[in-house]
Each structure stands twice: as C-alpha cells, then as structure tokens.
Amino acid sequence: MDGGIVRSGLGRVVYALSADQLVELNPGSAWPTVPQDGPALFDEARIPIETYYK
C-alpha cells in the first residue's frame, strides 16, 4: 500500500480499476510522466524525522 495512504490514517482503500486496467480500456488516458528528483537535502530533512522518532 502507498505510504501516503498508510500515514493518512485511512484503514481501507477500495478502487475499481488499476491504472494499467484504465489505460487498457482507454489507451489515450495514460498518466503523464512526472519528473522526480531526490532525495535532496537528506541531512537537513532527516532532522525532524529523527527527532520525532527518538
């Protein structure tokens, strides 16, 4: 399960079609490619996380 869904507190997510099934039914509906960079600033980003879990 997606980490964002788990951390949101949702107990269950139900859906009818996967993204692959949707594209198969409607080939023009492919999700756009989203560029991703990172992780960035790891040393800075870890401070609040480590503080929270200590």
PDB file of N, CA and C in Angstrom:
ATOM      1  N   MET A   1       0.847  -1.179   0.000  1.00  0.00           N
ATOM      2  CA  MET A   1       0.000   0.000   0.000  1.00  0.00           C
ATOM      3  C   MET A   1       0.889   1.238   0.000  1.00  0.00           C
ATOM      4  N   ASP A   2       0.460   2.259  -0.651  1.00  0.00           N
ATOM      5  CA  ASP A   2       1.196   3.506  -0.739  1.00  0.00           C
ATOM      6  C   ASP A   2       1.431   4.111   0.645  1.00  0.00           C
ATOM      7  N   GLY A   3       2.646   4.550   0.914  1.00  0.00           N
ATOM      8  CA  GLY A   3       2.987   5.119   2.217  1.00  0.00           C
ATOM      9  C   GLY A   3       2.128   6.309   2.598  1.00  0.00           C
ATOM     10  N   GLY A   4       1.774   7.129   1.628  1.00  0.00           N
ATOM     11  CA  GLY A   4       0.933   8.293   1.909  1.00  0.00           C
ATOM     12  C   GLY A   4      -0.450   7.888   2.391  1.00  0.00           C
ATOM     13  N   ILE A   5      -0.986   6.820   1.819  1.00  0.00           N
ATOM     14  CA  ILE A   5      -2.300   6.333   2.244  1.00  0.00           C
ATOM     15  C   ILE A   5      -2.203   5.785   3.661  1.00  0.00           C
ATOM     16  N   VAL A   6      -1.152   5.024   3.938  1.00  0.00           N
ATOM     17  CA  VAL A   6      -0.982   4.453   5.275  1.00  0.00           C
ATOM     18  C   VAL A   6      -0.863   5.562   6.310  1.00  0.00           C
ATOM     19  N   ARG A   7      -0.029   6.557   6.048  1.00  0.00           N
ATOM     20  CA  ARG A   7       0.184   7.634   7.024  1.00  0.00           C
ATOM     21  C   ARG A   7      -1.019   8.554   7.165  1.00  0.00           C
ATOM     22  N   SER A   8      -1.921   8.547   6.190  1.00  0.00           N
ATOM     23  CA  SER A   8      -3.106   9.401   6.289  1.00  0.00           C
ATOM     24  C   SER A   8      -4.096   8.874   7.316  1.00  0.00           C
ATOM     25  N   GLY A   9      -3.936   7.611   7.721  1.00  0.00           N
ATOM     26  CA  GLY A   9      -4.847   7.031   8.696  1.00  0.00           C
ATOM     27  C   GLY A   9      -6.031   6.307   8.071  1.00  0.00           C
ATOM     28  N   LEU A  10      -6.074   6.247   6.744  1.00  0.00           N
ATOM     29  CA  LEU A  10      -7.171   5.521   6.103  1.00  0.00           C
ATOM     30  C   LEU A  10      -7.008   4.033   6.392  1.00  0.00           C
ATOM     31  N   GLY A  11      -8.048   3.406   6.825  1.00  0.00           N
ATOM     32  CA  GLY A  11      -7.986   1.992   7.152  1.00  0.00           C
ATOM     33  C   GLY A  11      -8.116   1.091   5.946  1.00  0.00           C
ATOM     34  N   ARG A  12      -8.760   1.590   4.909  1.00  0.00           N
ATOM     35  CA  ARG A  12      -9.004   0.744   3.737  1.00  0.00           C
ATOM     36  C   ARG A  12      -9.262   1.634   2.530  1.00  0.00           C
ATOM     37  N   VAL A  13      -8.715   1.242   1.400  1.00  0.00           N
ATOM     38  CA  VAL A  13      -8.955   1.943   0.141  1.00  0.00           C
ATOM     39  C   VAL A  13      -9.460   0.909  -0.861  1.00  0.00           C
ATOM     40  N   VAL A  14     -10.594   1.185  -1.473  1.00  0.00           N
ATOM     41  CA  VAL A  14     -11.187   0.275  -2.451  1.00  0.00           C
ATOM     42  C   VAL A  14     -11.288   1.026  -3.769  1.00  0.00           C
ATOM     43  N   TYR A  15     -10.826   0.381  -4.836  1.00  0.00           N
ATOM     44  CA  TYR A  15     -10.931   1.003  -6.152  1.00  0.00           C
ATOM     45  C   TYR A  15     -11.369  -0.041  -7.165  1.00  0.00           C
ATOM     46  N   ALA A  16     -11.927   0.416  -8.278  1.00  0.00           N
ATOM     47  CA  ALA A  16     -12.487  -0.487  -9.272  1.00  0.00           C
ATOM     48  C   ALA A  16     -11.477  -0.928 -10.322  1.00  0.00           C
ATOM     49  N   LEU A  17     -10.581  -0.030 -10.713  1.00  0.00           N
ATOM     50  CA  LEU A  17      -9.617  -0.337 -11.767  1.00  0.00           C
ATOM     51  C   LEU A  17      -8.221   0.099 -11.350  1.00  0.00           C
ATOM     52  N   SER A  18      -7.222  -0.682 -11.732  1.00  0.00           N
ATOM     53  CA  SER A  18      -5.847  -0.236 -11.558  1.00  0.00           C
ATOM     54  C   SER A  18      -5.536   0.748 -12.679  1.00  0.00           C
ATOM     55  N   ALA A  19      -4.455   1.475 -12.563  1.00  0.00           N
ATOM     56  CA  ALA A  19      -4.056   2.415 -13.616  1.00  0.00           C
ATOM     57  C   ALA A  19      -3.809   1.670 -14.926  1.00  0.00           C
ATOM     58  N   ASP A  20      -3.189   0.491 -14.849  1.00  0.00           N
ATOM     59  CA  ASP A  20      -2.938  -0.297 -16.066  1.00  0.00           C
ATOM     60  C   ASP A  20      -4.238  -0.730 -16.734  1.00  0.00           C
ATOM     61  N   GLN A  21      -5.225  -1.129 -15.928  1.00  0.00           N
ATOM     62  CA  GLN A  21      -6.517  -1.532 -16.487  1.00  0.00           C
ATOM     63  C   GLN A  21      -7.227  -0.351 -17.140  1.00  0.00           C
ATOM     64  N   LEU A  22      -7.131   0.827 -16.543  1.00  0.00           N
ATOM     65  CA  LEU A  22      -7.749   2.015 -17.121  1.00  0.00           C
ATOM     66  C   LEU A  22      -7.128   2.339 -18.473  1.00  0.00           C
ATOM     67  N   VAL A  23      -5.806   2.283 -18.555  1.00  0.00           N
ATOM     68  CA  VAL A  23      -5.124   2.570 -19.818  1.00  0.00           C
ATOM     69  C   VAL A  23      -5.503   1.525 -20.869  1.00  0.00           C
ATOM     70  N   GLU A  24      -5.644   0.269 -20.448  1.00  0.00           N
ATOM     71  CA  GLU A  24      -6.037  -0.787 -21.380  1.00  0.00           C
ATOM     72  C   GLU A  24      -7.424  -0.514 -21.965  1.00  0.00           C
ATOM     73  N   LEU A  25      -8.346  -0.026 -21.135  1.00  0.00           N
ATOM     74  CA  LEU A  25      -9.696   0.276 -21.603  1.00  0.00           C
ATOM     75  C   LEU A  25      -9.769   1.564 -22.412  1.00  0.00           C
ATOM     76  N   ASN A  26      -8.891   2.509 -22.104  1.00  0.00           N
ATOM     77  CA  ASN A  26      -8.877   3.808 -22.772  1.00  0.00           C
ATOM     78  C   ASN A  26      -7.426   4.191 -23.033  1.00  0.00           C
ATOM     79  N   PRO A  27      -6.839   3.684 -24.140  1.00  0.00           N
ATOM     80  CA  PRO A  27      -5.403   3.876 -24.384  1.00  0.00           C
ATOM     81  C   PRO A  27      -4.939   5.330 -24.386  1.00  0.00           C
ATOM     82  N   GLY A  28      -5.785   6.271 -24.657  1.00  0.00           N
ATOM     83  CA  GLY A  28      -5.387   7.673 -24.664  1.00  0.00           C
ATOM     84  C   GLY A  28      -5.339   8.294 -23.278  1.00  0.00           C
ATOM     85  N   SER A  29      -5.632   7.513 -22.239  1.00  0.00           N
ATOM     86  CA  SER A  29      -5.721   8.081 -20.902  1.00  0.00           C
ATOM     87  C   SER A  29      -4.473   7.849 -20.057  1.00  0.00           C
ATOM     88  N   ALA A  30      -3.352   7.533 -20.684  1.00  0.00           N
ATOM     89  CA  ALA A  30      -2.131   7.247 -19.920  1.00  0.00           C
ATOM     90  C   ALA A  30      -1.756   8.432 -19.036  1.00  0.00           C
ATOM     91  N   TRP A  31      -1.260   8.114 -17.835  1.00  0.00           N
ATOM     92  CA  TRP A  31      -0.838   9.171 -16.913  1.00  0.00           C
ATOM     93  C   TRP A  31       0.399   9.852 -17.463  1.00  0.00           C
ATOM     94  N   PRO A  32       0.500  11.164 -17.320  1.00  0.00           N
ATOM     95  CA  PRO A  32       1.704  11.853 -17.803  1.00  0.00           C
ATOM     96  C   PRO A  32       2.916  11.462 -16.949  1.00  0.00           C
ATOM     97  N   THR A  33       4.078  11.498 -17.564  1.00  0.00           N
ATOM     98  CA  THR A  33       5.315  11.238 -16.840  1.00  0.00           C
ATOM     99  C   THR A  33       5.639  12.455 -15.991  1.00  0.00           C
ATOM    100  N   VAL A  34       5.896  12.242 -14.730  1.00  0.00           N
ATOM    101  CA  VAL A  34       6.218  13.326 -13.812  1.00  0.00           C
ATOM    102  C   VAL A  34       7.677  13.187 -13.410  1.00  0.00           C
ATOM    103  N   PRO A  35       8.516  14.181 -13.714  1.00  0.00           N
ATOM    104  CA  PRO A  35       9.920  14.073 -13.332  1.00  0.00           C
ATOM    105  C   PRO A  35      10.081  14.083 -11.818  1.00  0.00           C
ATOM    106  N   GLN A  36      11.012  13.283 -11.345  1.00  0.00           N
ATOM    107  CA  GLN A  36      11.279  13.217  -9.917  1.00  0.00           C
ATOM    108  C   GLN A  36      12.765  13.431  -9.673  1.00  0.00           C
ATOM    109  N   ASP A  37      13.082  14.252  -8.716  1.00  0.00           N
ATOM    110  CA  ASP A  37      14.457  14.499  -8.300  1.00  0.00           C
ATOM    111  C   ASP A  37      14.549  14.219  -6.816  1.00  0.00           C
ATOM    112  N   GLY A  38      15.644  13.643  -6.419  1.00  0.00           N
ATOM    113  CA  GLY A  38      15.818  13.463  -4.982  1.00  0.00           C
ATOM    114  C   GLY A  38      16.239  12.060  -4.646  1.00  0.00           C
ATOM    115  N   PRO A  39      16.457  11.796  -3.432  1.00  0.00           N
ATOM    116  CA  PRO A  39      16.242  12.712  -2.327  1.00  0.00           C
ATOM    117  C   PRO A  39      17.237  13.872  -2.349  1.00  0.00           C
ATOM    118  N   ALA A  40      16.783  15.001  -1.902  1.00  0.00           N
ATOM    119  CA  ALA A  40      17.611  16.199  -1.844  1.00  0.00           C
ATOM    120  C   ALA A  40      17.671  16.684  -0.399  1.00  0.00           C
ATOM    121  N   LEU A  41      18.756  17.277  -0.024  1.00  0.00           N
ATOM    122  CA  LEU A  41      18.939  17.842   1.317  1.00  0.00           C
ATOM    123  C   LEU A  41      18.671  16.802   2.405  1.00  0.00           C
ATOM    124  N   PHE A  42      19.190  15.583   2.204  1.00  0.00           N
ATOM    125  CA  PHE A  42      18.931  14.490   3.136  1.00  0.00           C
ATOM    126  C   PHE A  42      19.330  14.849   4.565  1.00  0.00           C
ATOM    127  N   ASP A  43      20.507  15.423   4.751  1.00  0.00           N
ATOM    128  CA  ASP A  43      20.966  15.750   6.107  1.00  0.00           C
ATOM    129  C   ASP A  43      20.016  16.713   6.808  1.00  0.00           C
ATOM    130  N   GLU A  44      19.465  17.668   6.075  1.00  0.00           N
ATOM    131  CA  GLU A  44      18.539  18.625   6.660  1.00  0.00           C
ATOM    132  C   GLU A  44      17.154  18.000   6.889  1.00  0.00           C
ATOM    133  N   ALA A  45      16.713  17.185   5.938  1.00  0.00           N
ATOM    134  CA  ALA A  45      15.376  16.604   6.007  1.00  0.00           C
ATOM    135  C   ALA A  45      15.262  15.543   7.098  1.00  0.00           C
ATOM    136  N   ARG A  46      16.353  14.883   7.445  1.00  0.00           N
ATOM    137  CA  ARG A  46      16.290  13.810   8.430  1.00  0.00           C
ATOM    138  C   ARG A  46      16.145  14.315   9.866  1.00  0.00           C
ATOM    139  N   ILE A  47      16.507  15.575  10.124  1.00  0.00           N
ATOM    140  CA  ILE A  47      16.499  16.109  11.495  1.00  0.00           C
ATOM    141  C   ILE A  47      15.109  16.026  12.138  1.00  0.00           C
ATOM    142  N   PRO A  48      14.040  16.559  11.521  1.00  0.00           N
ATOM    143  CA  PRO A  48      12.734  16.466  12.193  1.00  0.00           C
ATOM    144  C   PRO A  48      12.233  15.032  12.316  1.00  0.00           C
ATOM    145  N   ILE A  49      12.567  14.181  11.359  1.00  0.00           N
ATOM    146  CA  ILE A  49      12.134  12.788  11.421  1.00  0.00           C
ATOM    147  C   ILE A  49      12.831  12.065  12.566  1.00  0.00           C
ATOM    148  N   GLU A  50      14.155  12.228  12.642  1.00  0.00           N
ATOM    149  CA  GLU A  50      14.889  11.571  13.717  1.00  0.00           C
ATOM    150  C   GLU A  50      14.462  12.108  15.088  1.00  0.00           C
ATOM    151  N   THR A  51      14.202  13.406  15.158  1.00  0.00           N
ATOM    152  CA  THR A  51      13.766  14.000  16.426  1.00  0.00           C
ATOM    153  C   THR A  51      12.412  13.420  16.845  1.00  0.00           C
ATOM    154  N   TYR A  52      11.514  13.260  15.904  1.00  0.00           N
ATOM    155  CA  TYR A  52      10.174  12.741  16.196  1.00  0.00           C
ATOM    156  C   TYR A  52      10.233  11.302  16.715  1.00  0.00           C
ATOM    157  N   TYR A  53      11.068  10.469  16.086  1.00  0.00           N
ATOM    158  CA  TYR A  53      11.104   9.056  16.438  1.00  0.00           C
ATOM    159  C   TYR A  53      12.039   8.698  17.577  1.00  0.00           C
ATOM    160  N   LYS A  54      12.704   9.668  18.162  1.00  0.00           N
ATOM    161  CA  LYS A  54      13.592   9.376  19.307  1.00  0.00           C
ATOM    162  C   LYS A  54      12.865   9.503  20.607  1.00  0.00           C
TER     163      LYS A  54
END
